[in-house]
Amino acid sequence: AGVSLRHRKGEKRPWTVKLPTGVPGARHEISRPGRAATAPAELVAL
């Protein structure tokens, strides 16, 4: 569906969701802190 949820090591807010905007190459990007083992519940709900 053009959506992603990732954890990137070494960042202050390592969890990021990217959502489509309807415009090619443009995405909503939302980042949150959190431990690597478990995705933040807020982003899973998102």
All heavy atoms as atom14 arrays in JSON, in Angstrom:
{
  "sequence": "AGVSLRHRKGEKRPWTVKLPTGVPGARHEISRPGRAATAPAELVAL",
  "atom14_mask": [
    [1, 1, 1, 1, 1, 0, 0, 0, 0, 0, 0, 0, 0, 0],
    [1, 1, 1, 1, 0, 0, 0, 0, 0, 0, 0, 0, 0, 0],
    [1, 1, 1, 1, 1, 1, 1, 0, 0, 0, 0, 0, 0, 0],
    [1, 1, 1, 1, 1, 1, 0, 0, 0, 0, 0, 0, 0, 0],
    [1, 1, 1, 1, 1, 1, 1, 1, 0, 0, 0, 0, 0, 0],
    [1, 1, 1, 1, 1, 1, 1, 1, 1, 1, 1, 0, 0, 0],
    [1, 1, 1, 1, 1, 1, 1, 1, 1, 1, 0, 0, 0, 0],
    [1, 1, 1, 1, 1, 1, 1, 1, 1, 1, 1, 0, 0, 0],
    [1, 1, 1, 1, 1, 1, 1, 1, 1, 0, 0, 0, 0, 0],
    [1, 1, 1, 1, 0, 0, 0, 0, 0, 0, 0, 0, 0, 0],
    [1, 1, 1, 1, 1, 1, 1, 1, 1, 0, 0, 0, 0, 0],
    [1, 1, 1, 1, 1, 1, 1, 1, 1, 0, 0, 0, 0, 0],
    [1, 1, 1, 1, 1, 1, 1, 1, 1, 1, 1, 0, 0, 0],
    [1, 1, 1, 1, 1, 1, 1, 0, 0, 0, 0, 0, 0, 0],
    [1, 1, 1, 1, 1, 1, 1, 1, 1, 1, 1, 1, 1, 1],
    [1, 1, 1, 1, 1, 1, 1, 0, 0, 0, 0, 0, 0, 0],
    [1, 1, 1, 1, 1, 1, 1, 0, 0, 0, 0, 0, 0, 0],
    [1, 1, 1, 1, 1, 1, 1, 1, 1, 0, 0, 0, 0, 0],
    [1, 1, 1, 1, 1, 1, 1, 1, 0, 0, 0, 0, 0, 0],
    [1, 1, 1, 1, 1, 1, 1, 0, 0, 0, 0, 0, 0, 0],
    [1, 1, 1, 1, 1, 1, 1, 0, 0, 0, 0, 0, 0, 0],
    [1, 1, 1, 1, 0, 0, 0, 0, 0, 0, 0, 0, 0, 0],
    [1, 1, 1, 1, 1, 1, 1, 0, 0, 0, 0, 0, 0, 0],
    [1, 1, 1, 1, 1, 1, 1, 0, 0, 0, 0, 0, 0, 0],
    [1, 1, 1, 1, 0, 0, 0, 0, 0, 0, 0, 0, 0, 0],
    [1, 1, 1, 1, 1, 0, 0, 0, 0, 0, 0, 0, 0, 0],
    [1, 1, 1, 1, 1, 1, 1, 1, 1, 1, 1, 0, 0, 0],
    [1, 1, 1, 1, 1, 1, 1, 1, 1, 1, 0, 0, 0, 0],
    [1, 1, 1, 1, 1, 1, 1, 1, 1, 0, 0, 0, 0, 0],
    [1, 1, 1, 1, 1, 1, 1, 1, 0, 0, 0, 0, 0, 0],
    [1, 1, 1, 1, 1, 1, 0, 0, 0, 0, 0, 0, 0, 0],
    [1, 1, 1, 1, 1, 1, 1, 1, 1, 1, 1, 0, 0, 0],
    [1, 1, 1, 1, 1, 1, 1, 0, 0, 0, 0, 0, 0, 0],
    [1, 1, 1, 1, 0, 0, 0, 0, 0, 0, 0, 0, 0, 0],
    [1, 1, 1, 1, 1, 1, 1, 1, 1, 1, 1, 0, 0, 0],
    [1, 1, 1, 1, 1, 0, 0, 0, 0, 0, 0, 0, 0, 0],
    [1, 1, 1, 1, 1, 0, 0, 0, 0, 0, 0, 0, 0, 0],
    [1, 1, 1, 1, 1, 1, 1, 0, 0, 0, 0, 0, 0, 0],
    [1, 1, 1, 1, 1, 0, 0, 0, 0, 0, 0, 0, 0, 0],
    [1, 1, 1, 1, 1, 1, 1, 0, 0, 0, 0, 0, 0, 0],
    [1, 1, 1, 1, 1, 0, 0, 0, 0, 0, 0, 0, 0, 0],
    [1, 1, 1, 1, 1, 1, 1, 1, 1, 0, 0, 0, 0, 0],
    [1, 1, 1, 1, 1, 1, 1, 1, 0, 0, 0, 0, 0, 0],
    [1, 1, 1, 1, 1, 1, 1, 0, 0, 0, 0, 0, 0, 0],
    [1, 1, 1, 1, 1, 0, 0, 0, 0, 0, 0, 0, 0, 0],
    [1, 1, 1, 1, 1, 1, 1, 1, 0, 0, 0, 0, 0, 0]
  ],
  "atom14_positions": [
    [[0.82, -1.22, 0.0], [0.0, 0.0, 0.0], [0.85, 1.26, 0.0], [0.3, 2.37, 0.1], [-0.91, 0.0, 1.22], [0.0, 0.0, 0.0], [0.0, 0.0, 0.0], [0.0, 0.0, 0.0], [0.0, 0.0, 0.0], [0.0, 0.0, 0.0], [0.0, 0.0, 0.0], [0.0, 0.0, 0.0], [0.0, 0.0, 0.0], [0.0, 0.0, 0.0]],
    [[2.17, 1.12, -0.12], [3.03, 2.3, -0.13], [3.3, 2.87, 1.24], [3.62, 4.06, 1.37], [0.0, 0.0, 0.0], [0.0, 0.0, 0.0], [0.0, 0.0, 0.0], [0.0, 0.0, 0.0], [0.0, 0.0, 0.0], [0.0, 0.0, 0.0], [0.0, 0.0, 0.0], [0.0, 0.0, 0.0], [0.0, 0.0, 0.0], [0.0, 0.0, 0.0]],
    [[3.2, 2.04, 2.27], [3.38, 2.46, 3.66], [4.59, 1.74, 4.23], [4.9, 0.61, 3.83], [2.12, 2.13, 4.49], [2.31, 2.43, 5.96], [0.91, 2.87, 3.93], [0.0, 0.0, 0.0], [0.0, 0.0, 0.0], [0.0, 0.0, 0.0], [0.0, 0.0, 0.0], [0.0, 0.0, 0.0], [0.0, 0.0, 0.0], [0.0, 0.0, 0.0]],
    [[5.27, 2.36, 5.18], [6.39, 1.66, 5.83], [6.43, 1.99, 7.32], [6.04, 3.08, 7.75], [7.72, 2.02, 5.18], [8.06, 3.37, 5.4], [0.0, 0.0, 0.0], [0.0, 0.0, 0.0], [0.0, 0.0, 0.0], [0.0, 0.0, 0.0], [0.0, 0.0, 0.0], [0.0, 0.0, 0.0], [0.0, 0.0, 0.0], [0.0, 0.0, 0.0]],
    [[6.93, 1.03, 8.09], [7.23, 1.19, 9.51], [8.61, 0.62, 9.72], [8.85, -0.57, 9.46], [6.2, 0.45, 10.38], [6.54, 0.33, 11.87], [6.63, 1.71, 12.52], [5.53, -0.55, 12.58], [0.0, 0.0, 0.0], [0.0, 0.0, 0.0], [0.0, 0.0, 0.0], [0.0, 0.0, 0.0], [0.0, 0.0, 0.0], [0.0, 0.0, 0.0]],
    [[9.55, 1.45, 10.2], [10.92, 0.99, 10.33], [11.51, 1.43, 11.65], [11.05, 2.4, 12.29], [11.78, 1.55, 9.19], [12.16, 2.99, 9.4], [13.21, 3.51, 8.45], [13.58, 4.85, 8.82], [13.7, 5.88, 7.98], [13.48, 5.69, 6.69], [14.04, 7.08, 8.43], [0.0, 0.0, 0.0], [0.0, 0.0, 0.0], [0.0, 0.0, 0.0]],
    [[12.56, 0.69, 12.06], [13.42, 1.1, 13.16], [14.82, 1.28, 12.6], [15.36, 0.39, 11.95], [13.44, 0.04, 14.28], [14.37, 0.4, 15.4], [15.71, 0.1, 15.38], [14.14, 1.06, 16.57], [16.28, 0.55, 16.48], [15.35, 1.13, 17.22], [0.0, 0.0, 0.0], [0.0, 0.0, 0.0], [0.0, 0.0, 0.0], [0.0, 0.0, 0.0]],
    [[15.4, 2.48, 12.84], [16.75, 2.75, 12.35], [17.67, 2.98, 13.55], [17.4, 3.85, 14.39], [16.74, 3.98, 11.43], [18.09, 4.3, 10.85], [18.02, 5.57, 10.0], [17.56, 5.27, 8.66], [17.23, 6.2, 7.76], [17.29, 7.48, 8.09], [16.84, 5.86, 6.54], [0.0, 0.0, 0.0], [0.0, 0.0, 0.0], [0.0, 0.0, 0.0]],
    [[18.72, 2.21, 13.61], [19.65, 2.27, 14.74], [20.33, 3.63, 14.86], [20.64, 4.28, 13.86], [20.73, 1.19, 14.6], [20.22, -0.23, 14.82], [21.38, -1.22, 14.72], [20.9, -2.65, 14.96], [22.02, -3.62, 14.86], [0.0, 0.0, 0.0], [0.0, 0.0, 0.0], [0.0, 0.0, 0.0], [0.0, 0.0, 0.0], [0.0, 0.0, 0.0]],
    [[20.58, 4.02, 16.12], [21.42, 5.18, 16.38], [20.74, 6.52, 16.31], [21.41, 7.55, 16.47], [0.0, 0.0, 0.0], [0.0, 0.0, 0.0], [0.0, 0.0, 0.0], [0.0, 0.0, 0.0], [0.0, 0.0, 0.0], [0.0, 0.0, 0.0], [0.0, 0.0, 0.0], [0.0, 0.0, 0.0], [0.0, 0.0, 0.0], [0.0, 0.0, 0.0]],
    [[19.42, 6.59, 16.1], [18.74, 7.86, 16.02], [17.95, 8.13, 17.3], [17.51, 7.2, 17.98], [17.79, 7.88, 14.81], [18.53, 7.73, 13.48], [17.61, 7.91, 12.28], [16.37, 7.86, 12.47], [18.13, 8.09, 11.17], [0.0, 0.0, 0.0], [0.0, 0.0, 0.0], [0.0, 0.0, 0.0], [0.0, 0.0, 0.0], [0.0, 0.0, 0.0]],
    [[17.76, 9.41, 17.63], [17.02, 9.77, 18.84], [15.57, 9.34, 18.74], [14.94, 8.99, 19.75], [17.12, 11.28, 19.08], [18.51, 11.76, 19.47], [18.5, 13.26, 19.74], [19.88, 13.74, 20.15], [19.91, 15.22, 20.4], [0.0, 0.0, 0.0], [0.0, 0.0, 0.0], [0.0, 0.0, 0.0], [0.0, 0.0, 0.0], [0.0, 0.0, 0.0]],
    [[15.02, 9.41, 17.56], [13.65, 8.96, 17.31], [13.72, 7.88, 16.24], [13.45, 8.12, 15.07], [12.78, 10.14, 16.86], [12.64, 11.2, 17.96], [12.23, 12.56, 17.41], [10.87, 12.58, 16.9], [9.79, 12.85, 17.62], [9.92, 13.1, 18.91], [8.6, 12.87, 17.08], [0.0, 0.0, 0.0], [0.0, 0.0, 0.0], [0.0, 0.0, 0.0]],
    [[14.09, 6.66, 16.65], [14.45, 5.64, 15.66], [13.28, 5.01, 14.92], [13.48, 4.4, 13.87], [15.16, 4.59, 16.51], [14.56, 4.73, 17.87], [14.28, 6.19, 18.04], [0.0, 0.0, 0.0], [0.0, 0.0, 0.0], [0.0, 0.0, 0.0], [0.0, 0.0, 0.0], [0.0, 0.0, 0.0], [0.0, 0.0, 0.0], [0.0, 0.0, 0.0]],
    [[12.06, 5.16, 15.45], [10.9, 4.54, 14.8], [10.22, 5.56, 13.88], [9.92, 6.68, 14.3], [9.9, 4.05, 15.84], [10.36, 2.83, 16.57], [10.98, 2.77, 17.79], [10.21, 1.48, 16.13], [11.25, 1.48, 18.12], [10.78, 0.65, 17.12], [9.68, 0.89, 14.99], [10.81, -0.73, 17.01], [9.7, -0.49, 14.88], [10.26, -1.29, 15.87]],
    [[9.98, 5.15, 12.64], [9.39, 6.06, 11.65], [8.32, 5.35, 10.84], [8.53, 4.22, 10.36], [10.46, 6.62, 10.7], [11.4, 7.38, 11.46], [9.84, 7.52, 9.65], [0.0, 0.0, 0.0], [0.0, 0.0, 0.0], [0.0, 0.0, 0.0], [0.0, 0.0, 0.0], [0.0, 0.0, 0.0], [0.0, 0.0, 0.0], [0.0, 0.0, 0.0]],
    [[7.2, 6.02, 10.67], [6.15, 5.6, 9.73], [6.16, 6.57, 8.56], [6.27, 7.78, 8.74], [4.77, 5.6, 10.4], [3.65, 5.64, 9.35], [4.6, 4.37, 11.28], [0.0, 0.0, 0.0], [0.0, 0.0, 0.0], [0.0, 0.0, 0.0], [0.0, 0.0, 0.0], [0.0, 0.0, 0.0], [0.0, 0.0, 0.0], [0.0, 0.0, 0.0]],
    [[6.06, 6.03, 7.35], [5.89, 6.86, 6.15], [4.58, 6.46, 5.48], [4.31, 5.27, 5.27], [7.07, 6.71, 5.2], [8.37, 7.28, 5.77], [9.49, 7.28, 4.75], [10.76, 7.88, 5.34], [11.86, 7.97, 4.34], [0.0, 0.0, 0.0], [0.0, 0.0, 0.0], [0.0, 0.0, 0.0], [0.0, 0.0, 0.0], [0.0, 0.0, 0.0]],
    [[3.8, 7.49, 5.15], [2.46, 7.28, 4.58], [2.35, 7.99, 3.24], [2.91, 9.08, 3.06], [1.4, 7.85, 5.52], [1.33, 7.27, 6.92], [0.54, 8.2, 7.83], [0.68, 5.89, 6.88], [0.0, 0.0, 0.0], [0.0, 0.0, 0.0], [0.0, 0.0, 0.0], [0.0, 0.0, 0.0], [0.0, 0.0, 0.0], [0.0, 0.0, 0.0]],
    [[1.63, 7.42, 2.29], [1.46, 8.09, 0.99], [0.62, 9.35, 1.12], [-0.25, 9.44, 1.99], [0.74, 7.03, 0.14], [0.07, 6.14, 1.13], [0.94, 6.12, 2.36], [0.0, 0.0, 0.0], [0.0, 0.0, 0.0], [0.0, 0.0, 0.0], [0.0, 0.0, 0.0], [0.0, 0.0, 0.0], [0.0, 0.0, 0.0], [0.0, 0.0, 0.0]],
    [[0.91, 10.32, 0.28], [0.14, 11.57, 0.24], [-0.74, 11.67, -1.0], [-1.54, 12.59, -1.11], [1.07, 12.78, 0.25], [1.86, 12.77, -0.95], [1.98, 12.78, 1.47], [0.0, 0.0, 0.0], [0.0, 0.0, 0.0], [0.0, 0.0, 0.0], [0.0, 0.0, 0.0], [0.0, 0.0, 0.0], [0.0, 0.0, 0.0], [0.0, 0.0, 0.0]],
    [[-0.57, 10.74, -1.93], [-1.25, 10.86, -3.22], [-0.41, 11.54, -4.26], [-0.78, 11.57, -5.44], [0.0, 0.0, 0.0], [0.0, 0.0, 0.0], [0.0, 0.0, 0.0], [0.0, 0.0, 0.0], [0.0, 0.0, 0.0], [0.0, 0.0, 0.0], [0.0, 0.0, 0.0], [0.0, 0.0, 0.0], [0.0, 0.0, 0.0], [0.0, 0.0, 0.0]],
    [[0.73, 12.11, -3.86], [1.66, 12.76, -4.78], [2.92, 11.91, -4.88], [3.55, 11.63, -3.86], [2.03, 14.18, -4.28], [3.04, 14.83, -5.23], [0.78, 15.03, -4.14], [0.0, 0.0, 0.0], [0.0, 0.0, 0.0], [0.0, 0.0, 0.0], [0.0, 0.0, 0.0], [0.0, 0.0, 0.0], [0.0, 0.0, 0.0], [0.0, 0.0, 0.0]],
    [[3.31, 11.44, -6.08], [4.5, 10.6, -6.2], [5.73, 11.3, -5.61], [6.0, 12.46, -5.87], [4.64, 10.41, -7.72], [3.27, 10.61, -8.26], [2.64, 11.66, -7.38], [0.0, 0.0, 0.0], [0.0, 0.0, 0.0], [0.0, 0.0, 0.0], [0.0, 0.0, 0.0], [0.0, 0.0, 0.0], [0.0, 0.0, 0.0], [0.0, 0.0, 0.0]],
    [[6.47, 10.55, -4.79], [7.68, 11.08, -4.19], [7.47, 11.89, -2.93], [8.44, 12.31, -2.3], [0.0, 0.0, 0.0], [0.0, 0.0, 0.0], [0.0, 0.0, 0.0], [0.0, 0.0, 0.0], [0.0, 0.0, 0.0], [0.0, 0.0, 0.0], [0.0, 0.0, 0.0], [0.0, 0.0, 0.0], [0.0, 0.0, 0.0], [0.0, 0.0, 0.0]],
    [[6.23, 12.11, -2.53], [5.94, 12.87, -1.31], [5.22, 11.97, -0.32], [4.24, 11.3, -0.67], [5.09, 14.1, -1.62], [0.0, 0.0, 0.0], [0.0, 0.0, 0.0], [0.0, 0.0, 0.0], [0.0, 0.0, 0.0], [0.0, 0.0, 0.0], [0.0, 0.0, 0.0], [0.0, 0.0, 0.0], [0.0, 0.0, 0.0], [0.0, 0.0, 0.0]],
    [[5.73, 11.94, 0.91], [5.14, 11.08, 1.93], [5.08, 11.81, 3.27], [5.94, 12.63, 3.58], [5.96, 9.79, 2.09], [5.93, 8.89, 0.87], [6.8, 7.67, 1.05], [8.23, 8.02, 1.09], [9.19, 7.14, 1.31], [8.9, 5.88, 1.52], [10.46, 7.54, 1.33], [0.0, 0.0, 0.0], [0.0, 0.0, 0.0], [0.0, 0.0, 0.0]],
    [[4.04, 11.49, 4.05], [4.0, 11.92, 5.43], [5.03, 11.1, 6.2], [5.09, 9.87, 6.06], [2.62, 11.69, 6.04], [1.54, 12.53, 5.45], [1.38, 13.87, 5.75], [0.55, 12.21, 4.57], [0.34, 14.34, 5.09], [-0.18, 13.37, 4.36], [0.0, 0.0, 0.0], [0.0, 0.0, 0.0], [0.0, 0.0, 0.0], [0.0, 0.0, 0.0]],
    [[5.81, 11.75, 7.04], [6.83, 11.06, 7.82], [6.62, 11.39, 9.3], [6.63, 12.56, 9.69], [8.23, 11.48, 7.37], [9.35, 10.76, 8.09], [10.72, 11.11, 7.54], [10.89, 11.05, 6.3], [11.6, 11.47, 8.34], [0.0, 0.0, 0.0], [0.0, 0.0, 0.0], [0.0, 0.0, 0.0], [0.0, 0.0, 0.0], [0.0, 0.0, 0.0]],
    [[6.44, 10.36, 10.12], [6.17, 10.53, 11.54], [7.16, 9.66, 12.32], [7.21, 8.44, 12.11], [4.73, 10.12, 11.89], [3.73, 10.86, 11.01], [4.44, 10.38, 13.37], [3.26, 10.07, 9.81], [0.0, 0.0, 0.0], [0.0, 0.0, 0.0], [0.0, 0.0, 0.0], [0.0, 0.0, 0.0], [0.0, 0.0, 0.0], [0.0, 0.0, 0.0]],
    [[7.93, 10.28, 13.22], [8.95, 9.54, 13.97], [8.67, 9.61, 15.46], [8.15, 10.61, 15.97], [10.35, 10.11, 13.67], [10.68, 9.93, 12.31], [0.0, 0.0, 0.0], [0.0, 0.0, 0.0], [0.0, 0.0, 0.0], [0.0, 0.0, 0.0], [0.0, 0.0, 0.0], [0.0, 0.0, 0.0], [0.0, 0.0, 0.0], [0.0, 0.0, 0.0]],
    [[9.06, 8.54, 16.16], [8.87, 8.46, 17.6], [10.07, 7.75, 18.23], [10.72, 6.93, 17.58], [7.6, 7.66, 17.93], [6.3, 8.32, 17.49], [5.98, 9.54, 18.34], [4.68, 10.11, 18.0], [4.48, 11.05, 17.09], [5.52, 11.54, 16.4], [3.27, 11.52, 16.87], [0.0, 0.0, 0.0], [0.0, 0.0, 0.0], [0.0, 0.0, 0.0]],
    [[10.34, 8.05, 19.52], [11.36, 7.28, 20.24], [10.81, 5.9, 20.6], [9.61, 5.65, 20.51], [11.61, 8.13, 21.49], [10.31, 8.86, 21.71], [9.75, 9.11, 20.34], [0.0, 0.0, 0.0], [0.0, 0.0, 0.0], [0.0, 0.0, 0.0], [0.0, 0.0, 0.0], [0.0, 0.0, 0.0], [0.0, 0.0, 0.0], [0.0, 0.0, 0.0]],
    [[11.7, 5.03, 21.04], [11.26, 3.7, 21.45], [12.37, 2.68, 21.35], [13.34, 2.86, 20.61], [0.0, 0.0, 0.0], [0.0, 0.0, 0.0], [0.0, 0.0, 0.0], [0.0, 0.0, 0.0], [0.0, 0.0, 0.0], [0.0, 0.0, 0.0], [0.0, 0.0, 0.0], [0.0, 0.0, 0.0], [0.0, 0.0, 0.0], [0.0, 0.0, 0.0]],
    [[12.23, 1.6, 22.11], [13.24, 0.54, 22.09], [13.09, -0.3, 20.83], [12.0, -0.45, 20.27], [13.09, -0.33, 23.33], [13.23, 0.46, 24.64], [13.04, -0.41, 25.85], [14.08, -1.43, 25.93], [14.16, -2.32, 26.93], [13.25, -2.31, 27.9], [15.14, -3.21, 26.94], [0.0, 0.0, 0.0], [0.0, 0.0, 0.0], [0.0, 0.0, 0.0]],
    [[14.2, -0.9, 20.42], [14.22, -1.62, 19.15], [13.33, -2.85, 19.17], [12.82, -3.27, 18.13], [15.66, -2.02, 18.8], [0.0, 0.0, 0.0], [0.0, 0.0, 0.0], [0.0, 0.0, 0.0], [0.0, 0.0, 0.0], [0.0, 0.0, 0.0], [0.0, 0.0, 0.0], [0.0, 0.0, 0.0], [0.0, 0.0, 0.0], [0.0, 0.0, 0.0]],
    [[13.12, -3.44, 20.33], [12.41, -4.71, 20.38], [10.93, -4.61, 20.04], [10.33, -5.56, 19.52], [12.58, -5.34, 21.77], [0.0, 0.0, 0.0], [0.0, 0.0, 0.0], [0.0, 0.0, 0.0], [0.0, 0.0, 0.0], [0.0, 0.0, 0.0], [0.0, 0.0, 0.0], [0.0, 0.0, 0.0], [0.0, 0.0, 0.0], [0.0, 0.0, 0.0]],
    [[10.32, -3.45, 20.33], [8.87, -3.33, 20.19], [8.5, -2.0, 19.54], [8.92, -0.94, 20.02], [8.17, -3.42, 21.56], [8.6, -4.61, 22.23], [6.66, -3.44, 21.4], [0.0, 0.0, 0.0], [0.0, 0.0, 0.0], [0.0, 0.0, 0.0], [0.0, 0.0, 0.0], [0.0, 0.0, 0.0], [0.0, 0.0, 0.0], [0.0, 0.0, 0.0]],
    [[7.73, -2.07, 18.49], [7.28, -0.84, 17.83], [6.35, -0.06, 18.75], [5.52, -0.66, 19.46], [6.56, -1.18, 16.54], [0.0, 0.0, 0.0], [0.0, 0.0, 0.0], [0.0, 0.0, 0.0], [0.0, 0.0, 0.0], [0.0, 0.0, 0.0], [0.0, 0.0, 0.0], [0.0, 0.0, 0.0], [0.0, 0.0, 0.0], [0.0, 0.0, 0.0]],
    [[6.46, 1.26, 18.79], [5.56, 2.07, 19.62], [4.1, 1.81, 19.26], [3.74, 1.79, 18.07], [5.96, 3.51, 19.31], [7.37, 3.42, 18.81], [7.45, 2.1, 18.09], [0.0, 0.0, 0.0], [0.0, 0.0, 0.0], [0.0, 0.0, 0.0], [0.0, 0.0, 0.0], [0.0, 0.0, 0.0], [0.0, 0.0, 0.0], [0.0, 0.0, 0.0]],
    [[3.27, 1.64, 20.27], [1.86, 1.34, 20.02], [1.19, 2.43, 19.2], [0.31, 2.15, 18.37], [1.13, 1.16, 21.36], [0.0, 0.0, 0.0], [0.0, 0.0, 0.0], [0.0, 0.0, 0.0], [0.0, 0.0, 0.0], [0.0, 0.0, 0.0], [0.0, 0.0, 0.0], [0.0, 0.0, 0.0], [0.0, 0.0, 0.0], [0.0, 0.0, 0.0]],
    [[1.62, 3.68, 19.39], [1.03, 4.79, 18.64], [1.25, 4.63, 17.15], [0.35, 4.88, 16.33], [1.63, 6.12, 19.11], [1.09, 7.32, 18.37], [1.84, 8.6, 18.68], [2.76, 8.57, 19.52], [1.5, 9.63, 18.07], [0.0, 0.0, 0.0], [0.0, 0.0, 0.0], [0.0, 0.0, 0.0], [0.0, 0.0, 0.0], [0.0, 0.0, 0.0]],
    [[2.46, 4.2, 16.76], [2.75, 4.04, 15.34], [2.07, 2.81, 14.76], [1.64, 2.82, 13.6], [4.26, 3.98, 15.11], [5.05, 5.24, 15.44], [6.5, 5.11, 14.98], [4.41, 6.48, 14.81], [0.0, 0.0, 0.0], [0.0, 0.0, 0.0], [0.0, 0.0, 0.0], [0.0, 0.0, 0.0], [0.0, 0.0, 0.0], [0.0, 0.0, 0.0]],
    [[1.96, 1.76, 15.54], [1.23, 0.58, 15.07], [-0.23, 0.95, 14.82], [-0.83, 0.58, 13.81], [1.34, -0.57, 16.09], [0.44, -1.75, 15.68], [2.78, -1.03, 16.22], [0.0, 0.0, 0.0], [0.0, 0.0, 0.0], [0.0, 0.0, 0.0], [0.0, 0.0, 0.0], [0.0, 0.0, 0.0], [0.0, 0.0, 0.0], [0.0, 0.0, 0.0]],
    [[-0.81, 1.73, 15.75], [-2.19, 2.17, 15.56], [-2.33, 3.09, 14.36], [-3.35, 3.07, 13.66], [-2.68, 2.89, 16.82], [0.0, 0.0, 0.0], [0.0, 0.0, 0.0], [0.0, 0.0, 0.0], [0.0, 0.0, 0.0], [0.0, 0.0, 0.0], [0.0, 0.0, 0.0], [0.0, 0.0, 0.0], [0.0, 0.0, 0.0], [0.0, 0.0, 0.0]],
    [[-1.29, 3.86, 14.09], [-1.34, 4.82, 12.99], [-1.54, 4.14, 11.64], [-2.1, 4.74, 10.72], [-0.05, 5.64, 12.98], [-0.03, 6.94, 12.2], [-1.04, 7.92, 12.76], [1.37, 7.55, 12.24], [0.0, 0.0, 0.0], [0.0, 0.0, 0.0], [0.0, 0.0, 0.0], [0.0, 0.0, 0.0], [0.0, 0.0, 0.0], [0.0, 0.0, 0.0]]
  ]
}
